[in-house]
PDB file of all heavy atoms in Angstrom:
ATOM      1  N   ASN A   1      -1.672  12.068   4.529  1.00  0.00           N
ATOM      2  CA  ASN A   1      -0.285  12.044   4.661  1.00  0.00           C
ATOM      3  C   ASN A   1       0.219  10.692   4.352  1.00  0.00           C
ATOM      4  O   ASN A   1       1.279  10.258   4.907  1.00  0.00           O
ATOM      5  CB  ASN A   1       0.250  12.566   5.872  1.00  0.00           C
ATOM      6  CG  ASN A   1      -0.036  14.045   6.157  1.00  0.00           C
ATOM      7  OD1 ASN A   1       0.136  14.824   5.299  1.00  0.00           O
ATOM      8  ND2 ASN A   1      -0.499  14.328   7.443  1.00  0.00           N
ATOM      9  N   ILE A   2      -0.345   9.917   3.368  1.00  0.00           N
ATOM     10  CA  ILE A   2       0.055   8.642   3.034  1.00  0.00           C
ATOM     11  C   ILE A   2       1.036   8.806   1.938  1.00  0.00           C
ATOM     12  O   ILE A   2       0.750   9.320   0.789  1.00  0.00           O
ATOM     13  CB  ILE A   2      -1.120   7.739   2.491  1.00  0.00           C
ATOM     14  CG1 ILE A   2      -2.150   7.543   3.550  1.00  0.00           C
ATOM     15  CG2 ILE A   2      -0.650   6.404   1.971  1.00  0.00           C
ATOM     16  CD1 ILE A   2      -3.410   6.853   3.135  1.00  0.00           C
ATOM     17  N   THR A   3       2.271   8.427   2.108  1.00  0.00           N
ATOM     18  CA  THR A   3       3.435   8.493   1.187  1.00  0.00           C
ATOM     19  C   THR A   3       3.935   7.160   0.759  1.00  0.00           C
ATOM     20  O   THR A   3       4.683   7.029  -0.141  1.00  0.00           O
ATOM     21  CB  THR A   3       4.586   9.282   1.752  1.00  0.00           C
ATOM     22  OG1 THR A   3       5.050   8.744   2.920  1.00  0.00           O
ATOM     23  CG2 THR A   3       4.101  10.731   1.953  1.00  0.00           C
ATOM     24  N   GLY A   4       3.410   6.130   1.430  1.00  0.00           N
ATOM     25  CA  GLY A   4       3.815   4.665   1.086  1.00  0.00           C
ATOM     26  C   GLY A   4       2.640   3.764   1.234  1.00  0.00           C
ATOM     27  O   GLY A   4       1.725   4.020   1.982  1.00  0.00           O
ATOM     28  N   VAL A   5       2.694   2.632   0.464  1.00  0.00           N
ATOM     29  CA  VAL A   5       1.627   1.683   0.455  1.00  0.00           C
ATOM     30  C   VAL A   5       2.314   0.278   0.615  1.00  0.00           C
ATOM     31  O   VAL A   5       3.406   0.104   0.287  1.00  0.00           O
ATOM     32  CB  VAL A   5       0.801   1.752  -0.851  1.00  0.00           C
ATOM     33  CG1 VAL A   5      -0.145   3.040  -0.754  1.00  0.00           C
ATOM     34  CG2 VAL A   5       1.596   1.784  -2.119  1.00  0.00           C
ATOM     35  N   PRO A   6       1.490  -0.646   1.147  1.00  0.00           N
ATOM     36  CA  PRO A   6       0.016  -0.600   1.505  1.00  0.00           C
ATOM     37  C   PRO A   6      -0.196   0.162   2.791  1.00  0.00           C
ATOM     38  O   PRO A   6       0.623   0.292   3.554  1.00  0.00           O
ATOM     39  CB  PRO A   6      -0.235  -2.038   1.803  1.00  0.00           C
ATOM     40  CG  PRO A   6       0.920  -2.718   2.246  1.00  0.00           C
ATOM     41  CD  PRO A   6       2.041  -2.078   1.437  1.00  0.00           C
ATOM     42  N   PHE A   7      -1.386   0.722   2.797  1.00  0.00           N
ATOM     43  CA  PHE A   7      -1.791   1.512   3.998  1.00  0.00           C
ATOM     44  C   PHE A   7      -3.305   1.138   4.249  1.00  0.00           C
ATOM     45  O   PHE A   7      -4.170   1.317   3.465  1.00  0.00           O
ATOM     46  CB  PHE A   7      -1.719   3.038   3.704  1.00  0.00           C
ATOM     47  CG  PHE A   7      -1.719   3.902   4.900  1.00  0.00           C
ATOM     48  CD1 PHE A   7      -0.558   4.311   5.518  1.00  0.00           C
ATOM     49  CD2 PHE A   7      -2.915   4.398   5.427  1.00  0.00           C
ATOM     50  CE1 PHE A   7      -0.530   5.023   6.722  1.00  0.00           C
ATOM     51  CE2 PHE A   7      -2.924   5.236   6.517  1.00  0.00           C
ATOM     52  CZ  PHE A   7      -1.769   5.553   7.206  1.00  0.00           C
ATOM     53  N   PHE A   8      -3.449   0.610   5.442  1.00  0.00           N
ATOM     54  CA  PHE A   8      -4.751   0.044   5.878  1.00  0.00           C
ATOM     55  C   PHE A   8      -5.398   0.956   6.951  1.00  0.00           C
ATOM     56  O   PHE A   8      -4.766   1.234   7.974  1.00  0.00           O
ATOM     57  CB  PHE A   8      -4.536  -1.344   6.436  1.00  0.00           C
ATOM     58  CG  PHE A   8      -3.791  -2.303   5.591  1.00  0.00           C
ATOM     59  CD1 PHE A   8      -2.364  -2.341   5.588  1.00  0.00           C
ATOM     60  CD2 PHE A   8      -4.415  -3.251   4.865  1.00  0.00           C
ATOM     61  CE1 PHE A   8      -1.703  -3.220   4.702  1.00  0.00           C
ATOM     62  CE2 PHE A   8      -3.767  -4.173   4.047  1.00  0.00           C
ATOM     63  CZ  PHE A   8      -2.385  -4.165   4.034  1.00  0.00           C
ATOM     64  N   VAL A   9      -6.572   1.410   6.680  1.00  0.00           N
ATOM     65  CA  VAL A   9      -7.380   2.192   7.643  1.00  0.00           C
ATOM     66  C   VAL A   9      -8.540   1.593   8.135  1.00  0.00           C
ATOM     67  O   VAL A   9      -9.363   1.057   7.321  1.00  0.00           O
ATOM     68  CB  VAL A   9      -7.685   3.590   7.055  1.00  0.00           C
ATOM     69  CG1 VAL A   9      -8.431   4.358   8.024  1.00  0.00           C
ATOM     70  CG2 VAL A   9      -6.447   4.411   6.667  1.00  0.00           C
ATOM     71  N   PHE A  10      -8.606   1.292   9.473  1.00  0.00           N
ATOM     72  CA  PHE A  10      -9.754   0.544  10.023  1.00  0.00           C
ATOM     73  C   PHE A  10     -10.759   1.494  10.690  1.00  0.00           C
ATOM     74  O   PHE A  10     -10.424   2.273  11.552  1.00  0.00           O
ATOM     75  CB  PHE A  10      -9.175  -0.396  11.111  1.00  0.00           C
ATOM     76  CG  PHE A  10      -8.283  -1.417  10.682  1.00  0.00           C
ATOM     77  CD1 PHE A  10      -6.992  -1.181  10.306  1.00  0.00           C
ATOM     78  CD2 PHE A  10      -8.668  -2.755  10.656  1.00  0.00           C
ATOM     79  CE1 PHE A  10      -6.125  -2.155   9.781  1.00  0.00           C
ATOM     80  CE2 PHE A  10      -7.890  -3.750  10.207  1.00  0.00           C
ATOM     81  CZ  PHE A  10      -6.620  -3.406   9.765  1.00  0.00           C
ATOM     82  N   ASN A  11     -11.937   1.588  10.071  1.00  0.00           N
ATOM     83  CA  ASN A  11     -13.023   2.520  10.695  1.00  0.00           C
ATOM     84  C   ASN A  11     -12.608   3.846  10.781  1.00  0.00           C
ATOM     85  O   ASN A  11     -13.137   4.579  11.664  1.00  0.00           O
ATOM     86  CB  ASN A  11     -13.504   1.923  11.987  1.00  0.00           C
ATOM     87  CG  ASN A  11     -14.497   0.687  11.759  1.00  0.00           C
ATOM     88  OD1 ASN A  11     -14.836   0.324  10.569  1.00  0.00           O
ATOM     89  ND2 ASN A  11     -14.946   0.252  12.838  1.00  0.00           N
ATOM     90  N   ASN A  12     -11.734   4.391   9.899  1.00  0.00           N
ATOM     91  CA  ASN A  12     -11.339   5.716   9.981  1.00  0.00           C
ATOM     92  C   ASN A  12     -10.653   6.085  11.309  1.00  0.00           C
ATOM     93  O   ASN A  12     -10.626   7.279  11.734  1.00  0.00           O
ATOM     94  CB  ASN A  12     -12.464   6.794   9.721  1.00  0.00           C
ATOM     95  CG  ASN A  12     -12.978   6.680   8.220  1.00  0.00           C
ATOM     96  OD1 ASN A  12     -12.060   6.565   7.350  1.00  0.00           O
ATOM     97  ND2 ASN A  12     -14.212   6.594   8.113  1.00  0.00           N
ATOM     98  N   LYS A  13     -10.130   5.085  12.015  1.00  0.00           N
ATOM     99  CA  LYS A  13      -9.643   5.401  13.357  1.00  0.00           C
ATOM    100  C   LYS A  13      -8.185   4.829  13.509  1.00  0.00           C
ATOM    101  O   LYS A  13      -7.344   5.597  14.044  1.00  0.00           O
ATOM    102  CB  LYS A  13     -10.516   4.708  14.442  1.00  0.00           C
ATOM    103  CG  LYS A  13      -9.989   5.066  15.899  1.00  0.00           C
ATOM    104  CD  LYS A  13     -10.983   4.418  16.885  1.00  0.00           C
ATOM    105  CE  LYS A  13     -10.441   4.687  18.288  1.00  0.00           C
ATOM    106  NZ  LYS A  13     -11.221   4.137  19.363  1.00  0.00           N
ATOM    107  N   TYR A  14      -7.910   3.699  13.135  1.00  0.00           N
ATOM    108  CA  TYR A  14      -6.582   3.057  13.296  1.00  0.00           C
ATOM    109  C   TYR A  14      -5.984   2.886  11.831  1.00  0.00           C
ATOM    110  O   TYR A  14      -6.763   2.463  11.010  1.00  0.00           O
ATOM    111  CB  TYR A  14      -6.517   1.817  13.979  1.00  0.00           C
ATOM    112  CG  TYR A  14      -6.911   1.872  15.515  1.00  0.00           C
ATOM    113  CD1 TYR A  14      -8.110   1.699  15.963  1.00  0.00           C
ATOM    114  CD2 TYR A  14      -5.883   2.196  16.402  1.00  0.00           C
ATOM    115  CE1 TYR A  14      -8.438   1.807  17.317  1.00  0.00           C
ATOM    116  CE2 TYR A  14      -6.164   2.238  17.698  1.00  0.00           C
ATOM    117  CZ  TYR A  14      -7.446   2.112  18.233  1.00  0.00           C
ATOM    118  OH  TYR A  14      -7.649   2.257  19.601  1.00  0.00           O
ATOM    119  N   ALA A  15      -4.686   3.032  11.757  1.00  0.00           N
ATOM    120  CA  ALA A  15      -4.026   2.720  10.450  1.00  0.00           C
ATOM    121  C   ALA A  15      -2.871   1.891  10.686  1.00  0.00           C
ATOM    122  O   ALA A  15      -2.132   1.912  11.655  1.00  0.00           O
ATOM    123  CB  ALA A  15      -3.617   4.033   9.787  1.00  0.00           C
ATOM    124  N   VAL A  16      -2.662   0.871   9.778  1.00  0.00           N
ATOM    125  CA  VAL A  16      -1.573   0.014   9.797  1.00  0.00           C
ATOM    126  C   VAL A  16      -0.742   0.477   8.491  1.00  0.00           C
ATOM    127  O   VAL A  16      -1.227   0.328   7.343  1.00  0.00           O
ATOM    128  CB  VAL A  16      -1.889  -1.478   9.754  1.00  0.00           C
ATOM    129  CG1 VAL A  16      -0.699  -2.297   9.432  1.00  0.00           C
ATOM    130  CG2 VAL A  16      -2.525  -1.891  11.014  1.00  0.00           C
ATOM    131  N   SER A  17       0.452   0.799   8.693  1.00  0.00           N
ATOM    132  CA  SER A  17       1.294   1.209   7.458  1.00  0.00           C
ATOM    133  C   SER A  17       2.256   0.165   7.156  1.00  0.00           C
ATOM    134  O   SER A  17       3.050  -0.336   8.025  1.00  0.00           O
ATOM    135  CB  SER A  17       2.097   2.482   7.891  1.00  0.00           C
ATOM    136  OG  SER A  17       2.995   2.837   6.826  1.00  0.00           O
ATOM    137  N   GLY A  18       2.220  -0.463   6.005  1.00  0.00           N
ATOM    138  CA  GLY A  18       3.182  -1.338   5.504  1.00  0.00           C
ATOM    139  C   GLY A  18       2.661  -2.861   5.597  1.00  0.00           C
ATOM    140  O   GLY A  18       1.553  -3.125   6.269  1.00  0.00           O
ATOM    141  N   ALA A  19       3.332  -3.821   5.066  1.00  0.00           N
ATOM    142  CA  ALA A  19       2.914  -5.214   5.164  1.00  0.00           C
ATOM    143  C   ALA A  19       3.377  -5.745   6.477  1.00  0.00           C
ATOM    144  O   ALA A  19       4.364  -6.521   6.635  1.00  0.00           O
ATOM    145  CB  ALA A  19       3.570  -5.968   3.950  1.00  0.00           C
ATOM    146  N   GLN A  20       2.752  -5.428   7.502  1.00  0.00           N
ATOM    147  CA  GLN A  20       3.110  -5.806   8.864  1.00  0.00           C
ATOM    148  C   GLN A  20       2.784  -7.359   9.139  1.00  0.00           C
ATOM    149  O   GLN A  20       2.033  -7.871   8.413  1.00  0.00           O
ATOM    150  CB  GLN A  20       2.381  -4.877   9.822  1.00  0.00           C
ATOM    151  CG  GLN A  20       2.603  -3.495   9.775  1.00  0.00           C
ATOM    152  CD  GLN A  20       4.056  -3.166  10.206  1.00  0.00           C
ATOM    153  OE1 GLN A  20       4.769  -3.774  10.900  1.00  0.00           O
ATOM    154  NE2 GLN A  20       4.603  -2.148   9.502  1.00  0.00           N
ATOM    155  N   PRO A  21       3.508  -7.842  10.145  1.00  0.00           N
ATOM    156  CA  PRO A  21       3.229  -9.221  10.440  1.00  0.00           C
ATOM    157  C   PRO A  21       1.805  -9.425  10.851  1.00  0.00           C
ATOM    158  O   PRO A  21       1.083  -8.535  11.324  1.00  0.00           O
ATOM    159  CB  PRO A  21       4.230  -9.479  11.593  1.00  0.00           C
ATOM    160  CG  PRO A  21       5.277  -8.422  11.479  1.00  0.00           C
ATOM    161  CD  PRO A  21       4.556  -7.296  10.914  1.00  0.00           C
ATOM    162  N   GLY A  22       1.340 -10.674  10.657  1.00  0.00           N
ATOM    163  CA  GLY A  22      -0.082 -11.006  11.004  1.00  0.00           C
ATOM    164  C   GLY A  22      -0.620 -10.578  12.347  1.00  0.00           C
ATOM    165  O   GLY A  22      -1.657 -10.097  12.481  1.00  0.00           O
ATOM    166  N   PRO A  23       0.200 -10.752  13.395  1.00  0.00           N
ATOM    167  CA  PRO A  23      -0.192 -10.340  14.762  1.00  0.00           C
ATOM    168  C   PRO A  23      -0.644  -8.879  14.882  1.00  0.00           C
ATOM    169  O   PRO A  23      -1.444  -8.534  15.710  1.00  0.00           O
ATOM    170  CB  PRO A  23       0.901 -10.809  15.674  1.00  0.00           C
ATOM    171  CG  PRO A  23       1.506 -11.915  14.947  1.00  0.00           C
ATOM    172  CD  PRO A  23       1.459 -11.488  13.484  1.00  0.00           C
ATOM    173  N   VAL A  24      -0.010  -8.012  14.089  1.00  0.00           N
ATOM    174  CA  VAL A  24      -0.294  -6.594  14.085  1.00  0.00           C
ATOM    175  C   VAL A  24      -1.705  -6.434  13.569  1.00  0.00           C
ATOM    176  O   VAL A  24      -2.526  -5.658  14.211  1.00  0.00           O
ATOM    177  CB  VAL A  24       0.693  -5.766  13.259  1.00  0.00           C
ATOM    178  CG1 VAL A  24       0.248  -4.363  13.135  1.00  0.00           C
ATOM    179  CG2 VAL A  24       2.078  -5.896  13.908  1.00  0.00           C
ATOM    180  N   PHE A  25      -2.080  -7.105  12.481  1.00  0.00           N
ATOM    181  CA  PHE A  25      -3.443  -7.029  11.991  1.00  0.00           C
ATOM    182  C   PHE A  25      -4.442  -7.568  13.018  1.00  0.00           C
ATOM    183  O   PHE A  25      -5.545  -7.031  13.213  1.00  0.00           O
ATOM    184  CB  PHE A  25      -3.523  -7.787  10.708  1.00  0.00           C
ATOM    185  CG  PHE A  25      -2.868  -6.987   9.494  1.00  0.00           C
ATOM    186  CD1 PHE A  25      -1.737  -7.542   8.916  1.00  0.00           C
ATOM    187  CD2 PHE A  25      -3.226  -5.849   9.050  1.00  0.00           C
ATOM    188  CE1 PHE A  25      -1.108  -6.978   7.951  1.00  0.00           C
ATOM    189  CE2 PHE A  25      -2.662  -5.115   8.005  1.00  0.00           C
ATOM    190  CZ  PHE A  25      -1.532  -5.625   7.390  1.00  0.00           C
ATOM    191  N   THR A  26      -4.146  -8.658  13.590  1.00  0.00           N
ATOM    192  CA  THR A  26      -5.079  -9.345  14.506  1.00  0.00           C
ATOM    193  C   THR A  26      -5.222  -8.427  15.713  1.00  0.00           C
ATOM    194  O   THR A  26      -6.466  -8.282  16.175  1.00  0.00           O
ATOM    195  CB  THR A  26      -4.396 -10.691  15.056  1.00  0.00           C
ATOM    196  OG1 THR A  26      -4.236 -11.428  13.901  1.00  0.00           O
ATOM    197  CG2 THR A  26      -5.266 -11.211  16.060  1.00  0.00           C
ATOM    198  N   GLU A  27      -4.193  -7.737  16.225  1.00  0.00           N
ATOM    199  CA  GLU A  27      -4.309  -6.781  17.347  1.00  0.00           C
ATOM    200  C   GLU A  27      -5.350  -5.689  16.960  1.00  0.00           C
ATOM    201  O   GLU A  27      -6.145  -5.266  17.787  1.00  0.00           O
ATOM    202  CB  GLU A  27      -2.963  -6.248  17.710  1.00  0.00           C
ATOM    203  CG  GLU A  27      -3.016  -5.239  18.893  1.00  0.00           C
ATOM    204  CD  GLU A  27      -1.624  -4.613  19.162  1.00  0.00           C
ATOM    205  OE1 GLU A  27      -0.851  -5.029  18.556  1.00  0.00           O
ATOM    206  OE2 GLU A  27      -1.708  -3.684  20.040  1.00  0.00           O
ATOM    207  N   VAL A  28      -5.101  -5.078  15.824  1.00  0.00           N
ATOM    208  CA  VAL A  28      -5.947  -3.983  15.425  1.00  0.00           C
ATOM    209  C   VAL A  28      -7.443  -4.313  15.187  1.00  0.00           C
ATOM    210  O   VAL A  28      -8.345  -3.749  15.644  1.00  0.00           O
ATOM    211  CB  VAL A  28      -5.459  -3.317  14.191  1.00  0.00           C
ATOM    212  CG1 VAL A  28      -6.334  -2.050  13.703  1.00  0.00           C
ATOM    213  CG2 VAL A  28      -4.041  -2.785  14.331  1.00  0.00           C
ATOM    214  N   LEU A  29      -7.626  -5.584  14.585  1.00  0.00           N
ATOM    215  CA  LEU A  29      -8.863  -6.067  14.394  1.00  0.00           C
ATOM    216  C   LEU A  29      -9.739  -6.276  15.764  1.00  0.00           C
ATOM    217  O   LEU A  29     -10.781  -5.838  15.846  1.00  0.00           O
ATOM    218  CB  LEU A  29      -8.906  -7.447  13.629  1.00  0.00           C
ATOM    219  CG  LEU A  29      -8.582  -7.362  12.101  1.00  0.00           C
ATOM    220  CD1 LEU A  29      -8.157  -8.826  11.669  1.00  0.00           C
ATOM    221  CD2 LEU A  29      -9.727  -6.820  11.322  1.00  0.00           C
ATOM    222  N   ASP A  30      -8.920  -6.851  16.620  1.00  0.00           N
ATOM    223  CA  ASP A  30      -9.613  -7.041  17.956  1.00  0.00           C
ATOM    224  C   ASP A  30      -9.954  -5.731  18.651  1.00  0.00           C
ATOM    225  O   ASP A  30     -10.958  -5.716  19.326  1.00  0.00           O
ATOM    226  CB  ASP A  30      -8.682  -7.915  18.824  1.00  0.00           C
ATOM    227  CG  ASP A  30      -8.492  -9.352  18.378  1.00  0.00           C
ATOM    228  OD1 ASP A  30      -9.449  -9.869  17.553  1.00  0.00           O
ATOM    229  OD2 ASP A  30      -7.508 -10.022  18.785  1.00  0.00           O
ATOM    230  N   THR A  31      -8.963  -4.816  18.544  1.00  0.00           N
ATOM    231  CA  THR A  31      -9.268  -3.466  19.286  1.00  0.00           C
ATOM    232  C   THR A  31     -10.339  -2.849  18.636  1.00  0.00           C
ATOM    233  O   THR A  31     -11.298  -2.284  19.361  1.00  0.00           O
ATOM    234  CB  THR A  31      -7.939  -2.726  19.148  1.00  0.00           C
ATOM    235  OG1 THR A  31      -6.730  -3.319  19.748  1.00  0.00           O
ATOM    236  CG2 THR A  31      -8.098  -1.249  19.752  1.00  0.00           C
ATOM    237  N   VAL A  32     -10.402  -2.642  17.305  1.00  0.00           N
ATOM    238  CA  VAL A  32     -11.428  -1.918  16.631  1.00  0.00           C
ATOM    239  C   VAL A  32     -12.812  -2.557  16.914  1.00  0.00           C
ATOM    240  O   VAL A  32     -13.858  -1.919  17.084  1.00  0.00           O
ATOM    241  CB  VAL A  32     -11.174  -1.802  15.133  1.00  0.00           C
ATOM    242  CG1 VAL A  32     -12.311  -1.147  14.430  1.00  0.00           C
ATOM    243  CG2 VAL A  32      -9.908  -1.005  14.941  1.00  0.00           C
ATOM    244  N   TRP A  33     -12.783  -4.039  16.855  1.00  0.00           N
ATOM    245  CA  TRP A  33     -14.032  -4.606  17.055  1.00  0.00           C
ATOM    246  C   TRP A  33     -14.637  -4.311  18.452  1.00  0.00           C
ATOM    247  O   TRP A  33     -15.888  -4.350  18.625  1.00  0.00           O
ATOM    248  CB  TRP A  33     -13.773  -6.144  16.982  1.00  0.00           C
ATOM    249  CG  TRP A  33     -15.017  -7.024  16.951  1.00  0.00           C
ATOM    250  CD1 TRP A  33     -15.525  -7.818  17.848  1.00  0.00           C
ATOM    251  CD2 TRP A  33     -15.900  -7.104  15.803  1.00  0.00           C
ATOM    252  NE1 TRP A  33     -16.603  -8.433  17.482  1.00  0.00           N
ATOM    253  CE2 TRP A  33     -16.992  -8.069  16.197  1.00  0.00           C
ATOM    254  CE3 TRP A  33     -15.956  -6.548  14.516  1.00  0.00           C
ATOM    255  CZ2 TRP A  33     -17.945  -8.347  15.351  1.00  0.00           C
ATOM    256  CZ3 TRP A  33     -17.035  -6.825  13.768  1.00  0.00           C
ATOM    257  CH2 TRP A  33     -17.951  -7.743  14.084  1.00  0.00           C
ATOM    258  N   ALA A  34     -13.832  -4.092  19.400  1.00  0.00           N
ATOM    259  CA  ALA A  34     -14.296  -3.889  20.761  1.00  0.00           C
ATOM    260  C   ALA A  34     -14.577  -2.413  21.183  1.00  0.00           C
ATOM    261  O   ALA A  34     -15.339  -2.167  22.139  1.00  0.00           O
ATOM    262  CB  ALA A  34     -13.173  -4.429  21.797  1.00  0.00           C
ATOM    263  N   GLU A  35     -14.009  -1.578  20.369  1.00  0.00           N
ATOM    264  CA  GLU A  35     -14.216  -0.140  20.628  1.00  0.00           C
ATOM    265  C   GLU A  35     -15.347   0.543  20.061  1.00  0.00           C
ATOM    266  O   GLU A  35     -15.905   0.035  19.066  1.00  0.00           O
ATOM    267  CB  GLU A  35     -12.930   0.646  20.361  1.00  0.00           C
ATOM    268  CG  GLU A  35     -11.653   0.315  21.255  1.00  0.00           C
ATOM    269  CD  GLU A  35     -10.501   1.067  20.914  1.00  0.00           C
ATOM    270  OE1 GLU A  35     -10.535   1.896  19.883  1.00  0.00           O
ATOM    271  OE2 GLU A  35      -9.582   1.101  21.688  1.00  0.00           O
ATOM    272  N   GLU A  36     -15.568   1.759  20.419  1.00  0.00           N
ATOM    273  CA  GLU A  36     -16.570   2.568  19.714  1.00  0.00           C
ATOM    274  C   GLU A  36     -16.011   2.929  18.293  1.00  0.00           C
ATOM    275  O   GLU A  36     -14.802   2.932  18.133  1.00  0.00           O
ATOM    276  CB  GLU A  36     -16.761   3.886  20.462  1.00  0.00           C
ATOM    277  CG  GLU A  36     -17.479   3.758  21.798  1.00  0.00           C
ATOM    278  CD  GLU A  36     -17.688   5.129  22.448  1.00  0.00           C
ATOM    279  OE1 GLU A  36     -17.227   6.049  21.948  1.00  0.00           O
ATOM    280  OE2 GLU A  36     -18.277   5.028  23.544  1.00  0.00           O
ATOM    281  N   GLN A  37     -16.888   3.116  17.305  1.00  0.00           N
ATOM    282  CA  GLN A  37     -16.458   3.064  15.919  1.00  0.00           C
ATOM    283  C   GLN A  37     -16.172   4.490  15.437  1.00  0.00           C
ATOM    284  O   GLN A  37     -15.585   4.646  14.332  1.00  0.00           O
ATOM    285  CB  GLN A  37     -17.568   2.549  15.020  1.00  0.00           C
ATOM    286  CG  GLN A  37     -17.967   1.050  15.510  1.00  0.00           C
ATOM    287  CD  GLN A  37     -16.752   0.016  15.401  1.00  0.00           C
ATOM    288  OE1 GLN A  37     -16.146  -0.092  14.334  1.00  0.00           O
ATOM    289  NE2 GLN A  37     -16.498  -0.495  16.582  1.00  0.00           N
ATOM    290  N   ASN A  38     -16.494   5.536  16.138  1.00  0.00           N
ATOM    291  CA  ASN A  38     -16.495   6.920  15.400  1.00  0.00           C
ATOM    292  C   ASN A  38     -15.377   7.797  16.035  1.00  0.00           C
ATOM    293  O   ASN A  38     -15.551   8.990  15.806  1.00  0.00           O
ATOM    294  CB  ASN A  38     -17.908   7.559  15.611  1.00  0.00           C
ATOM    295  CG  ASN A  38     -18.922   6.689  14.817  1.00  0.00           C
ATOM    296  OD1 ASN A  38     -18.626   6.352  13.820  1.00  0.00           O
ATOM    297  ND2 ASN A  38     -20.133   6.581  15.486  1.00  0.00           N
ATOM    298  N   THR A  39     -14.507   7.384  16.773  1.00  0.00           N
ATOM    299  CA  THR A  39     -13.411   8.204  17.298  1.00  0.00           C
ATOM    300  C   THR A  39     -12.658   8.776  16.065  1.00  0.00           C
ATOM    301  O   THR A  39     -12.127   7.929  15.268  1.00  0.00           O
ATOM    302  CB  THR A  39     -12.510   7.500  18.182  1.00  0.00           C
ATOM    303  OG1 THR A  39     -13.277   6.877  19.197  1.00  0.00           O
ATOM    304  CG2 THR A  39     -11.457   8.355  18.763  1.00  0.00           C
ATOM    305  N   PRO A  40     -12.542  10.094  15.943  1.00  0.00           N
ATOM    306  CA  PRO A  40     -11.896  10.761  14.765  1.00  0.00           C
ATOM    307  C   PRO A  40     -10.440  10.651  14.721  1.00  0.00           C
ATOM    308  O   PRO A  40      -9.771  11.078  13.681  1.00  0.00           O
ATOM    309  CB  PRO A  40     -12.401  12.235  14.867  1.00  0.00           C
ATOM    310  CG  PRO A  40     -12.539  12.407  16.336  1.00  0.00           C
ATOM    311  CD  PRO A  40     -13.035  11.120  16.884  1.00  0.00           C
ATOM    312  N   VAL A  41      -9.727  10.176  15.744  1.00  0.00           N
ATOM    313  CA  VAL A  41      -8.232  10.218  15.755  1.00  0.00           C
ATOM    314  C   VAL A  41      -7.711   9.034  14.971  1.00  0.00           C
ATOM    315  O   VAL A  41      -8.034   7.925  15.192  1.00  0.00           O
ATOM    316  CB  VAL A  41      -7.724  10.153  17.272  1.00  0.00           C
ATOM    317  CG1 VAL A  41      -6.128  10.189  17.236  1.00  0.00           C
ATOM    318  CG2 VAL A  41      -8.171  11.244  18.001  1.00  0.00           C
ATOM    319  N   LEU A  42      -6.868   9.355  13.961  1.00  0.00           N
ATOM    320  CA  LEU A  42      -6.181   8.399  13.194  1.00  0.00           C
ATOM    321  C   LEU A  42      -4.812   8.008  13.767  1.00  0.00           C
ATOM    322  O   LEU A  42      -3.949   8.870  13.809  1.00  0.00           O
ATOM    323  CB  LEU A  42      -6.010   8.934  11.846  1.00  0.00           C
ATOM    324  CG  LEU A  42      -5.356   7.859  10.808  1.00  0.00           C
ATOM    325  CD1 LEU A  42      -6.367   6.704  10.544  1.00  0.00           C
ATOM    326  CD2 LEU A  42      -5.096   8.496   9.513  1.00  0.00           C
ATOM    327  N   GLN A  43      -4.638   6.626  14.274  1.00  0.00           N
ATOM    328  CA  GLN A  43      -3.498   6.275  14.926  1.00  0.00           C
ATOM    329  C   GLN A  43      -2.820   5.293  13.959  1.00  0.00           C
ATOM    330  O   GLN A  43      -3.298   4.382  13.494  1.00  0.00           O
ATOM    331  CB  GLN A  43      -3.787   5.670  16.231  1.00  0.00           C
ATOM    332  CG  GLN A  43      -4.482   6.609  17.196  1.00  0.00           C
ATOM    333  CD  GLN A  43      -4.728   5.891  18.544  1.00  0.00           C
ATOM    334  OE1 GLN A  43      -3.880   5.176  19.070  1.00  0.00           O
ATOM    335  NE2 GLN A  43      -5.917   6.011  19.027  1.00  0.00           N
ATOM    336  N   VAL A  44      -1.449   5.610  13.784  1.00  0.00           N
ATOM    337  CA  VAL A  44      -0.689   4.717  12.859  1.00  0.00           C
ATOM    338  C   VAL A  44      -0.032   3.635  13.703  1.00  0.00           C
ATOM    339  O   VAL A  44       0.655   3.881  14.596  1.00  0.00           O
ATOM    340  CB  VAL A  44       0.374   5.519  12.097  1.00  0.00           C
ATOM    341  CG1 VAL A  44       1.185   4.570  11.160  1.00  0.00           C
ATOM    342  CG2 VAL A  44      -0.267   6.575  11.190  1.00  0.00           C
ATOM    343  N   VAL A  45      -0.353   2.409  13.256  1.00  0.00           N
ATOM    344  CA  VAL A  45       0.276   1.209  13.953  1.00  0.00           C
ATOM    345  C   VAL A  45       1.316   0.578  13.060  1.00  0.00           C
ATOM    346  O   VAL A  45       1.084   0.260  11.929  1.00  0.00           O
ATOM    347  CB  VAL A  45      -0.819   0.240  14.227  1.00  0.00           C
ATOM    348  CG1 VAL A  45      -0.317  -0.960  14.919  1.00  0.00           C
ATOM    349  CG2 VAL A  45      -1.939   0.861  15.118  1.00  0.00           C
TER     350      VAL A  45
END
C-alpha cells in the first residue's frame, strides 16, 4: 500500500514514510538494532 515515496522499510518490520527528520531515522535504527528481526508486523513511522 505504498502510494508515496520515499518509503523506507527496515527489516520488513518498520517503515518510515517520507523524508522525515534525521531523529526519526535514528530512532528506528536504534529500535530495529535492539529488537528481534523477524516480527511480521509492518509499522509506519
